[in-house]
Protein backbone atom coordinates (compact mmCIF):
# COMPACT_ATOMS: atom_id res chain seq x y z
CA UNK A 1 0.00 0.00 0.00
CA UNK A 2 1.36 3.43 -0.93
CA UNK A 3 1.43 6.24 1.60
CA UNK A 4 0.86 9.83 0.49
CA UNK A 5 0.85 12.92 2.69
CA UNK A 6 -0.01 16.57 2.15
CA UNK A 7 -0.38 19.59 4.42
CA UNK A 8 -1.94 23.04 4.20
CA UNK A 9 -2.06 26.09 6.48
CA UNK A 10 -5.50 27.47 7.27
CA UNK A 11 -6.38 30.86 8.70
CA UNK A 12 -8.73 29.55 11.37
CA UNK A 13 -8.22 28.22 14.90
CA UNK A 14 -7.53 24.48 15.02
CA UNK A 15 -10.62 23.75 17.14
CA UNK A 16 -12.88 25.54 14.65
CA UNK A 17 -11.30 23.84 11.62
CA UNK A 18 -11.48 20.39 13.19
CA UNK A 19 -15.08 20.91 14.31
CA UNK A 20 -16.06 21.81 10.77
CA UNK A 21 -14.19 18.90 9.16
CA UNK A 22 -15.35 16.30 11.70
CA UNK A 23 -19.02 17.14 11.05
CA UNK A 24 -19.94 14.66 8.32
CA UNK A 25 -22.75 16.91 7.11
CA UNK A 26 -20.10 19.44 5.98
CA UNK A 27 -18.39 17.04 3.54
CA UNK A 28 -20.38 18.31 0.54
CA UNK A 29 -18.98 21.78 1.29
CA UNK A 30 -15.38 20.71 0.71
CA UNK A 31 -15.70 17.62 -1.48
CA UNK A 32 -17.49 18.76 -4.65
CA UNK A 33 -18.45 15.30 -5.90
CA UNK A 34 -20.16 14.51 -2.57
CA UNK A 35 -23.78 15.63 -2.57
CA UNK A 36 -24.85 13.97 0.69
CA UNK A 37 -22.94 12.46 3.60
CA UNK A 38 -24.61 10.86 6.57
CA UNK A 39 -23.79 8.81 9.64
CA UNK A 40 -25.52 5.44 9.83
CA UNK A 41 -24.79 4.64 13.47
CA UNK A 42 -21.57 3.75 15.21
CA UNK A 43 -18.68 4.51 12.89
CA UNK A 44 -20.65 3.71 9.71
CA UNK A 45 -21.11 6.36 7.00
CA UNK A 46 -22.80 6.59 3.61
CA UNK A 47 -21.79 9.06 0.92
CA UNK A 48 -23.71 9.88 -2.24
CA UNK A 49 -22.67 12.07 -5.11
CA UNK A 50 -21.76 12.45 -8.72
CA UNK A 51 -18.39 12.20 -10.48
CA UNK A 52 -17.77 12.56 -14.19
CA UNK A 53 -21.55 12.77 -14.74
CA UNK A 54 -22.20 9.45 -13.01
CA UNK A 55 -24.06 9.10 -9.70
CA UNK A 56 -22.36 6.99 -7.03
CA UNK A 57 -22.90 5.76 -3.49
CA UNK A 58 -20.23 4.52 -1.11
CA UNK A 59 -20.38 2.95 2.32
CA UNK A 60 -17.56 2.90 4.80
CA UNK A 61 -16.43 3.91 8.24
CA UNK A 62 -15.13 7.06 9.91
CA UNK A 63 -13.61 7.41 13.37
CA UNK A 64 -13.32 10.87 14.94
CA UNK A 65 -10.96 11.51 17.86
CA UNK A 66 -11.68 15.02 19.21
CA UNK A 67 -8.96 14.72 21.88
CA UNK A 68 -6.32 14.38 19.13
CA UNK A 69 -8.17 16.50 16.54
CA UNK A 70 -7.91 13.59 14.14
CA UNK A 71 -10.11 11.51 11.87
CA UNK A 72 -9.63 8.17 10.14
CA UNK A 73 -11.81 6.64 7.43
CA UNK A 74 -12.02 3.86 4.90
CA UNK A 75 -14.23 2.39 2.23
CA UNK A 76 -15.98 -0.97 2.29
CA UNK A 77 -15.62 -1.47 -1.47
CA UNK A 78 -12.08 -0.12 -1.83
CA UNK A 79 -10.27 -2.21 0.76
CA UNK A 80 -6.90 -0.87 -0.40
CA UNK A 81 -7.91 2.68 0.60
CA UNK A 82 -7.73 4.39 4.01
CA UNK A 83 -7.24 7.99 5.03
CA UNK A 84 -6.33 10.07 8.03
CA UNK A 85 -6.62 13.76 8.77
CA UNK A 86 -5.12 15.69 11.66
CA UNK A 87 -5.53 19.35 12.60
CA UNK A 88 -2.82 21.05 14.66
CA UNK A 89 -2.05 24.62 15.65
CA UNK A 90 -2.53 27.37 18.15
CA UNK A 91 -4.06 30.79 17.96
CA UNK A 92 -5.80 31.92 14.78
CA UNK A 93 -3.96 29.54 12.40
CA UNK A 94 -3.79 25.81 12.04
CA UNK A 95 -2.41 23.15 9.76
CA UNK A 96 -4.34 20.25 8.24
CA UNK A 97 -2.39 17.13 7.37
CA UNK A 98 -4.03 14.60 5.07
CA UNK A 99 -2.60 11.08 4.74
CA UNK A 100 -3.84 8.54 2.22
CA UNK A 101 -2.89 4.88 2.25
CA UNK A 102 -3.74 3.28 -1.08
CA UNK A 103 -2.71 1.46 -4.20
CA UNK A 104 -4.43 2.73 -7.35
CA UNK A 105 -6.06 0.13 -9.56
CA UNK A 106 -3.94 -0.66 -12.65
CA UNK A 107 -6.17 1.25 -15.10
CA UNK A 108 -6.24 4.24 -12.73
CA UNK A 109 -2.46 4.16 -12.36
CA UNK A 110 -2.14 4.12 -16.16
CA UNK A 111 -4.42 7.17 -16.41
CA UNK A 112 -2.32 8.98 -13.79
CA UNK A 113 0.86 8.28 -15.71
CA UNK A 114 -0.75 9.54 -18.92
CA UNK A 115 -2.13 12.74 -17.32
CA UNK A 116 0.56 13.60 -14.76
CA UNK A 117 3.67 11.70 -15.82
CA UNK A 118 3.61 9.33 -12.85
CA UNK A 119 1.38 7.88 -10.17
CA UNK A 120 3.27 9.93 -7.58
CA UNK A 121 2.63 13.19 -9.47
CA UNK A 122 -1.05 12.34 -9.93
CA UNK A 123 -1.50 11.60 -6.24
CA UNK A 124 0.38 14.75 -5.26
CA UNK A 125 -1.98 16.80 -7.43
CA UNK A 126 -5.03 15.03 -5.94
CA UNK A 127 -3.82 15.79 -2.41
CA UNK A 128 -3.11 19.43 -3.26
CA UNK A 129 -6.58 19.90 -4.75
CA UNK A 130 -8.28 18.24 -1.82
CA UNK A 131 -6.36 20.32 0.71
CA UNK A 132 -7.05 23.55 -1.18
CA UNK A 133 -10.76 22.72 -1.23
CA UNK A 134 -10.64 22.09 2.53
CA UNK A 135 -8.82 25.41 3.10
CA UNK A 136 -11.34 27.38 1.06
CA UNK A 137 -14.32 25.77 2.78
CA UNK A 138 -12.94 26.21 6.31
CA UNK A 139 -11.72 29.78 5.76
CA UNK A 140 -15.03 30.66 4.11
CA UNK A 141 -16.88 29.42 7.21
CA UNK A 142 -18.16 26.56 5.08
CA UNK A 143 -20.51 28.85 3.18
CA UNK A 144 -18.86 28.49 -0.19
CA UNK A 145 -18.63 25.22 -1.98
CA UNK A 146 -15.52 24.71 -4.06
CA UNK A 147 -16.48 23.40 -7.47
CA UNK A 148 -14.16 21.67 -9.93
CA UNK A 149 -13.02 23.74 -12.85
CA UNK A 150 -14.47 22.76 -16.25
CA UNK A 151 -12.76 19.65 -17.53
CA UNK A 152 -11.14 18.80 -14.20
CA UNK A 153 -11.85 15.70 -12.16
CA UNK A 154 -11.18 16.63 -8.56
CA UNK A 155 -12.89 13.95 -6.50
CA UNK A 156 -14.27 10.50 -6.78
CA UNK A 157 -16.16 7.84 -4.94
CA UNK A 158 -15.23 8.51 -1.33
CA UNK A 159 -14.20 11.35 0.88
CA UNK A 160 -10.94 12.95 -0.19
CA UNK A 161 -10.57 10.68 -3.17
CA UNK A 162 -9.78 11.95 -6.63
CA UNK A 163 -11.26 9.92 -9.52
CA UNK A 164 -7.70 9.51 -10.69
CA UNK A 165 -7.05 7.34 -7.63
CA UNK A 166 -10.39 5.59 -7.17
C-alpha atoms as a PDB file:
ATOM      1  CA  UNK A   1       0.000   0.000   0.000  1.00  0.00           C
ATOM      2  CA  UNK A   2       1.360   3.427  -0.926  1.00  0.00           C
ATOM      3  CA  UNK A   3       1.432   6.236   1.596  1.00  0.00           C
ATOM      4  CA  UNK A   4       0.860   9.831   0.487  1.00  0.00           C
ATOM      5  CA  UNK A   5       0.850  12.920   2.689  1.00  0.00           C
ATOM      6  CA  UNK A   6      -0.007  16.566   2.151  1.00  0.00           C
ATOM      7  CA  UNK A   7      -0.378  19.595   4.425  1.00  0.00           C
ATOM      8  CA  UNK A   8      -1.938  23.038   4.199  1.00  0.00           C
ATOM      9  CA  UNK A   9      -2.058  26.090   6.475  1.00  0.00           C
ATOM     10  CA  UNK A  10      -5.498  27.466   7.273  1.00  0.00           C
ATOM     11  CA  UNK A  11      -6.381  30.862   8.697  1.00  0.00           C
ATOM     12  CA  UNK A  12      -8.732  29.554  11.372  1.00  0.00           C
ATOM     13  CA  UNK A  13      -8.221  28.217  14.901  1.00  0.00           C
ATOM     14  CA  UNK A  14      -7.535  24.477  15.024  1.00  0.00           C
ATOM     15  CA  UNK A  15     -10.623  23.746  17.137  1.00  0.00           C
ATOM     16  CA  UNK A  16     -12.884  25.542  14.654  1.00  0.00           C
ATOM     17  CA  UNK A  17     -11.302  23.844  11.623  1.00  0.00           C
ATOM     18  CA  UNK A  18     -11.485  20.390  13.186  1.00  0.00           C
ATOM     19  CA  UNK A  19     -15.080  20.907  14.313  1.00  0.00           C
ATOM     20  CA  UNK A  20     -16.059  21.814  10.767  1.00  0.00           C
ATOM     21  CA  UNK A  21     -14.186  18.901   9.161  1.00  0.00           C
ATOM     22  CA  UNK A  22     -15.353  16.304  11.699  1.00  0.00           C
ATOM     23  CA  UNK A  23     -19.017  17.145  11.053  1.00  0.00           C
ATOM     24  CA  UNK A  24     -19.938  14.665   8.320  1.00  0.00           C
ATOM     25  CA  UNK A  25     -22.755  16.909   7.106  1.00  0.00           C
ATOM     26  CA  UNK A  26     -20.099  19.439   5.981  1.00  0.00           C
ATOM     27  CA  UNK A  27     -18.389  17.038   3.544  1.00  0.00           C
ATOM     28  CA  UNK A  28     -20.378  18.312   0.539  1.00  0.00           C
ATOM     29  CA  UNK A  29     -18.981  21.780   1.294  1.00  0.00           C
ATOM     30  CA  UNK A  30     -15.380  20.711   0.708  1.00  0.00           C
ATOM     31  CA  UNK A  31     -15.698  17.621  -1.484  1.00  0.00           C
ATOM     32  CA  UNK A  32     -17.486  18.760  -4.654  1.00  0.00           C
ATOM     33  CA  UNK A  33     -18.450  15.299  -5.897  1.00  0.00           C
ATOM     34  CA  UNK A  34     -20.158  14.515  -2.573  1.00  0.00           C
ATOM     35  CA  UNK A  35     -23.780  15.629  -2.573  1.00  0.00           C
ATOM     36  CA  UNK A  36     -24.849  13.973   0.686  1.00  0.00           C
ATOM     37  CA  UNK A  37     -22.944  12.455   3.602  1.00  0.00           C
ATOM     38  CA  UNK A  38     -24.614  10.863   6.573  1.00  0.00           C
ATOM     39  CA  UNK A  39     -23.791   8.814   9.638  1.00  0.00           C
ATOM     40  CA  UNK A  40     -25.518   5.439   9.827  1.00  0.00           C
ATOM     41  CA  UNK A  41     -24.789   4.643  13.468  1.00  0.00           C
ATOM     42  CA  UNK A  42     -21.573   3.754  15.209  1.00  0.00           C
ATOM     43  CA  UNK A  43     -18.678   4.514  12.891  1.00  0.00           C
ATOM     44  CA  UNK A  44     -20.654   3.710   9.711  1.00  0.00           C
ATOM     45  CA  UNK A  45     -21.112   6.364   6.998  1.00  0.00           C
ATOM     46  CA  UNK A  46     -22.804   6.586   3.605  1.00  0.00           C
ATOM     47  CA  UNK A  47     -21.786   9.063   0.916  1.00  0.00           C
ATOM     48  CA  UNK A  48     -23.705   9.876  -2.241  1.00  0.00           C
ATOM     49  CA  UNK A  49     -22.666  12.069  -5.113  1.00  0.00           C
ATOM     50  CA  UNK A  50     -21.759  12.453  -8.724  1.00  0.00           C
ATOM     51  CA  UNK A  51     -18.392  12.203 -10.480  1.00  0.00           C
ATOM     52  CA  UNK A  52     -17.772  12.563 -14.189  1.00  0.00           C
ATOM     53  CA  UNK A  53     -21.547  12.768 -14.742  1.00  0.00           C
ATOM     54  CA  UNK A  54     -22.200   9.449 -13.009  1.00  0.00           C
ATOM     55  CA  UNK A  55     -24.056   9.096  -9.701  1.00  0.00           C
ATOM     56  CA  UNK A  56     -22.359   6.992  -7.032  1.00  0.00           C
ATOM     57  CA  UNK A  57     -22.904   5.757  -3.489  1.00  0.00           C
ATOM     58  CA  UNK A  58     -20.229   4.517  -1.111  1.00  0.00           C
ATOM     59  CA  UNK A  59     -20.377   2.953   2.319  1.00  0.00           C
ATOM     60  CA  UNK A  60     -17.559   2.897   4.800  1.00  0.00           C
ATOM     61  CA  UNK A  61     -16.427   3.910   8.236  1.00  0.00           C
ATOM     62  CA  UNK A  62     -15.134   7.055   9.905  1.00  0.00           C
ATOM     63  CA  UNK A  63     -13.614   7.407  13.367  1.00  0.00           C
ATOM     64  CA  UNK A  64     -13.323  10.869  14.938  1.00  0.00           C
ATOM     65  CA  UNK A  65     -10.958  11.513  17.856  1.00  0.00           C
ATOM     66  CA  UNK A  66     -11.677  15.017  19.214  1.00  0.00           C
ATOM     67  CA  UNK A  67      -8.955  14.719  21.882  1.00  0.00           C
ATOM     68  CA  UNK A  68      -6.315  14.378  19.129  1.00  0.00           C
ATOM     69  CA  UNK A  69      -8.170  16.503  16.536  1.00  0.00           C
ATOM     70  CA  UNK A  70      -7.911  13.592  14.141  1.00  0.00           C
ATOM     71  CA  UNK A  71     -10.110  11.509  11.875  1.00  0.00           C
ATOM     72  CA  UNK A  72      -9.630   8.171  10.137  1.00  0.00           C
ATOM     73  CA  UNK A  73     -11.814   6.635   7.428  1.00  0.00           C
ATOM     74  CA  UNK A  74     -12.021   3.859   4.898  1.00  0.00           C
ATOM     75  CA  UNK A  75     -14.231   2.390   2.227  1.00  0.00           C
ATOM     76  CA  UNK A  76     -15.980  -0.967   2.292  1.00  0.00           C
ATOM     77  CA  UNK A  77     -15.623  -1.468  -1.471  1.00  0.00           C
ATOM     78  CA  UNK A  78     -12.084  -0.116  -1.832  1.00  0.00           C
ATOM     79  CA  UNK A  79     -10.268  -2.209   0.761  1.00  0.00           C
ATOM     80  CA  UNK A  80      -6.900  -0.871  -0.402  1.00  0.00           C
ATOM     81  CA  UNK A  81      -7.906   2.681   0.598  1.00  0.00           C
ATOM     82  CA  UNK A  82      -7.731   4.389   4.007  1.00  0.00           C
ATOM     83  CA  UNK A  83      -7.242   7.991   5.029  1.00  0.00           C
ATOM     84  CA  UNK A  84      -6.335  10.069   8.030  1.00  0.00           C
ATOM     85  CA  UNK A  85      -6.625  13.764   8.766  1.00  0.00           C
ATOM     86  CA  UNK A  86      -5.115  15.695  11.658  1.00  0.00           C
ATOM     87  CA  UNK A  87      -5.529  19.349  12.605  1.00  0.00           C
ATOM     88  CA  UNK A  88      -2.816  21.050  14.662  1.00  0.00           C
ATOM     89  CA  UNK A  89      -2.053  24.616  15.648  1.00  0.00           C
ATOM     90  CA  UNK A  90      -2.534  27.372  18.152  1.00  0.00           C
ATOM     91  CA  UNK A  91      -4.064  30.788  17.955  1.00  0.00           C
ATOM     92  CA  UNK A  92      -5.797  31.921  14.778  1.00  0.00           C
ATOM     93  CA  UNK A  93      -3.956  29.544  12.396  1.00  0.00           C
ATOM     94  CA  UNK A  94      -3.788  25.810  12.045  1.00  0.00           C
ATOM     95  CA  UNK A  95      -2.408  23.150   9.760  1.00  0.00           C
ATOM     96  CA  UNK A  96      -4.343  20.255   8.245  1.00  0.00           C
ATOM     97  CA  UNK A  97      -2.391  17.135   7.371  1.00  0.00           C
ATOM     98  CA  UNK A  98      -4.026  14.603   5.066  1.00  0.00           C
ATOM     99  CA  UNK A  99      -2.604  11.079   4.738  1.00  0.00           C
ATOM    100  CA  UNK A 100      -3.843   8.542   2.223  1.00  0.00           C
ATOM    101  CA  UNK A 101      -2.893   4.876   2.245  1.00  0.00           C
ATOM    102  CA  UNK A 102      -3.735   3.276  -1.080  1.00  0.00           C
ATOM    103  CA  UNK A 103      -2.713   1.456  -4.201  1.00  0.00           C
ATOM    104  CA  UNK A 104      -4.426   2.735  -7.349  1.00  0.00           C
ATOM    105  CA  UNK A 105      -6.063   0.127  -9.562  1.00  0.00           C
ATOM    106  CA  UNK A 106      -3.943  -0.658 -12.654  1.00  0.00           C
ATOM    107  CA  UNK A 107      -6.173   1.247 -15.102  1.00  0.00           C
ATOM    108  CA  UNK A 108      -6.238   4.237 -12.731  1.00  0.00           C
ATOM    109  CA  UNK A 109      -2.458   4.155 -12.357  1.00  0.00           C
ATOM    110  CA  UNK A 110      -2.140   4.124 -16.161  1.00  0.00           C
ATOM    111  CA  UNK A 111      -4.416   7.171 -16.409  1.00  0.00           C
ATOM    112  CA  UNK A 112      -2.323   8.984 -13.791  1.00  0.00           C
ATOM    113  CA  UNK A 113       0.864   8.275 -15.706  1.00  0.00           C
ATOM    114  CA  UNK A 114      -0.749   9.544 -18.917  1.00  0.00           C
ATOM    115  CA  UNK A 115      -2.125  12.743 -17.324  1.00  0.00           C
ATOM    116  CA  UNK A 116       0.558  13.601 -14.763  1.00  0.00           C
ATOM    117  CA  UNK A 117       3.671  11.701 -15.816  1.00  0.00           C
ATOM    118  CA  UNK A 118       3.613   9.330 -12.851  1.00  0.00           C
ATOM    119  CA  UNK A 119       1.380   7.880 -10.170  1.00  0.00           C
ATOM    120  CA  UNK A 120       3.275   9.931  -7.577  1.00  0.00           C
ATOM    121  CA  UNK A 121       2.633  13.190  -9.467  1.00  0.00           C
ATOM    122  CA  UNK A 122      -1.051  12.342  -9.931  1.00  0.00           C
ATOM    123  CA  UNK A 123      -1.503  11.599  -6.238  1.00  0.00           C
ATOM    124  CA  UNK A 124       0.381  14.747  -5.258  1.00  0.00           C
ATOM    125  CA  UNK A 125      -1.984  16.798  -7.432  1.00  0.00           C
ATOM    126  CA  UNK A 126      -5.031  15.032  -5.942  1.00  0.00           C
ATOM    127  CA  UNK A 127      -3.820  15.790  -2.414  1.00  0.00           C
ATOM    128  CA  UNK A 128      -3.108  19.434  -3.264  1.00  0.00           C
ATOM    129  CA  UNK A 129      -6.578  19.900  -4.755  1.00  0.00           C
ATOM    130  CA  UNK A 130      -8.279  18.235  -1.819  1.00  0.00           C
ATOM    131  CA  UNK A 131      -6.358  20.324   0.710  1.00  0.00           C
ATOM    132  CA  UNK A 132      -7.054  23.554  -1.181  1.00  0.00           C
ATOM    133  CA  UNK A 133     -10.757  22.715  -1.234  1.00  0.00           C
ATOM    134  CA  UNK A 134     -10.642  22.091   2.525  1.00  0.00           C
ATOM    135  CA  UNK A 135      -8.824  25.409   3.101  1.00  0.00           C
ATOM    136  CA  UNK A 136     -11.340  27.378   1.057  1.00  0.00           C
ATOM    137  CA  UNK A 137     -14.315  25.772   2.785  1.00  0.00           C
ATOM    138  CA  UNK A 138     -12.938  26.213   6.310  1.00  0.00           C
ATOM    139  CA  UNK A 139     -11.725  29.781   5.764  1.00  0.00           C
ATOM    140  CA  UNK A 140     -15.030  30.662   4.112  1.00  0.00           C
ATOM    141  CA  UNK A 141     -16.883  29.422   7.214  1.00  0.00           C
ATOM    142  CA  UNK A 142     -18.163  26.558   5.081  1.00  0.00           C
ATOM    143  CA  UNK A 143     -20.507  28.846   3.179  1.00  0.00           C
ATOM    144  CA  UNK A 144     -18.856  28.495  -0.193  1.00  0.00           C
ATOM    145  CA  UNK A 145     -18.631  25.222  -1.984  1.00  0.00           C
ATOM    146  CA  UNK A 146     -15.525  24.713  -4.061  1.00  0.00           C
ATOM    147  CA  UNK A 147     -16.476  23.398  -7.475  1.00  0.00           C
ATOM    148  CA  UNK A 148     -14.158  21.672  -9.930  1.00  0.00           C
ATOM    149  CA  UNK A 149     -13.021  23.740 -12.854  1.00  0.00           C
ATOM    150  CA  UNK A 150     -14.474  22.756 -16.249  1.00  0.00           C
ATOM    151  CA  UNK A 151     -12.757  19.652 -17.534  1.00  0.00           C
ATOM    152  CA  UNK A 152     -11.136  18.798 -14.198  1.00  0.00           C
ATOM    153  CA  UNK A 153     -11.852  15.702 -12.159  1.00  0.00           C
ATOM    154  CA  UNK A 154     -11.178  16.628  -8.563  1.00  0.00           C
ATOM    155  CA  UNK A 155     -12.888  13.955  -6.497  1.00  0.00           C
ATOM    156  CA  UNK A 156     -14.273  10.504  -6.779  1.00  0.00           C
ATOM    157  CA  UNK A 157     -16.160   7.839  -4.941  1.00  0.00           C
ATOM    158  CA  UNK A 158     -15.232   8.513  -1.329  1.00  0.00           C
ATOM    159  CA  UNK A 159     -14.199  11.350   0.876  1.00  0.00           C
ATOM    160  CA  UNK A 160     -10.943  12.949  -0.190  1.00  0.00           C
ATOM    161  CA  UNK A 161     -10.573  10.681  -3.172  1.00  0.00           C
ATOM    162  CA  UNK A 162      -9.781  11.952  -6.630  1.00  0.00           C
ATOM    163  CA  UNK A 163     -11.259   9.917  -9.516  1.00  0.00           C
ATOM    164  CA  UNK A 164      -7.703   9.506 -10.694  1.00  0.00           C
ATOM    165  CA  UNK A 165      -7.051   7.344  -7.631  1.00  0.00           C
ATOM    166  CA  UNK A 166     -10.385   5.589  -7.171  1.00  0.00           C
END
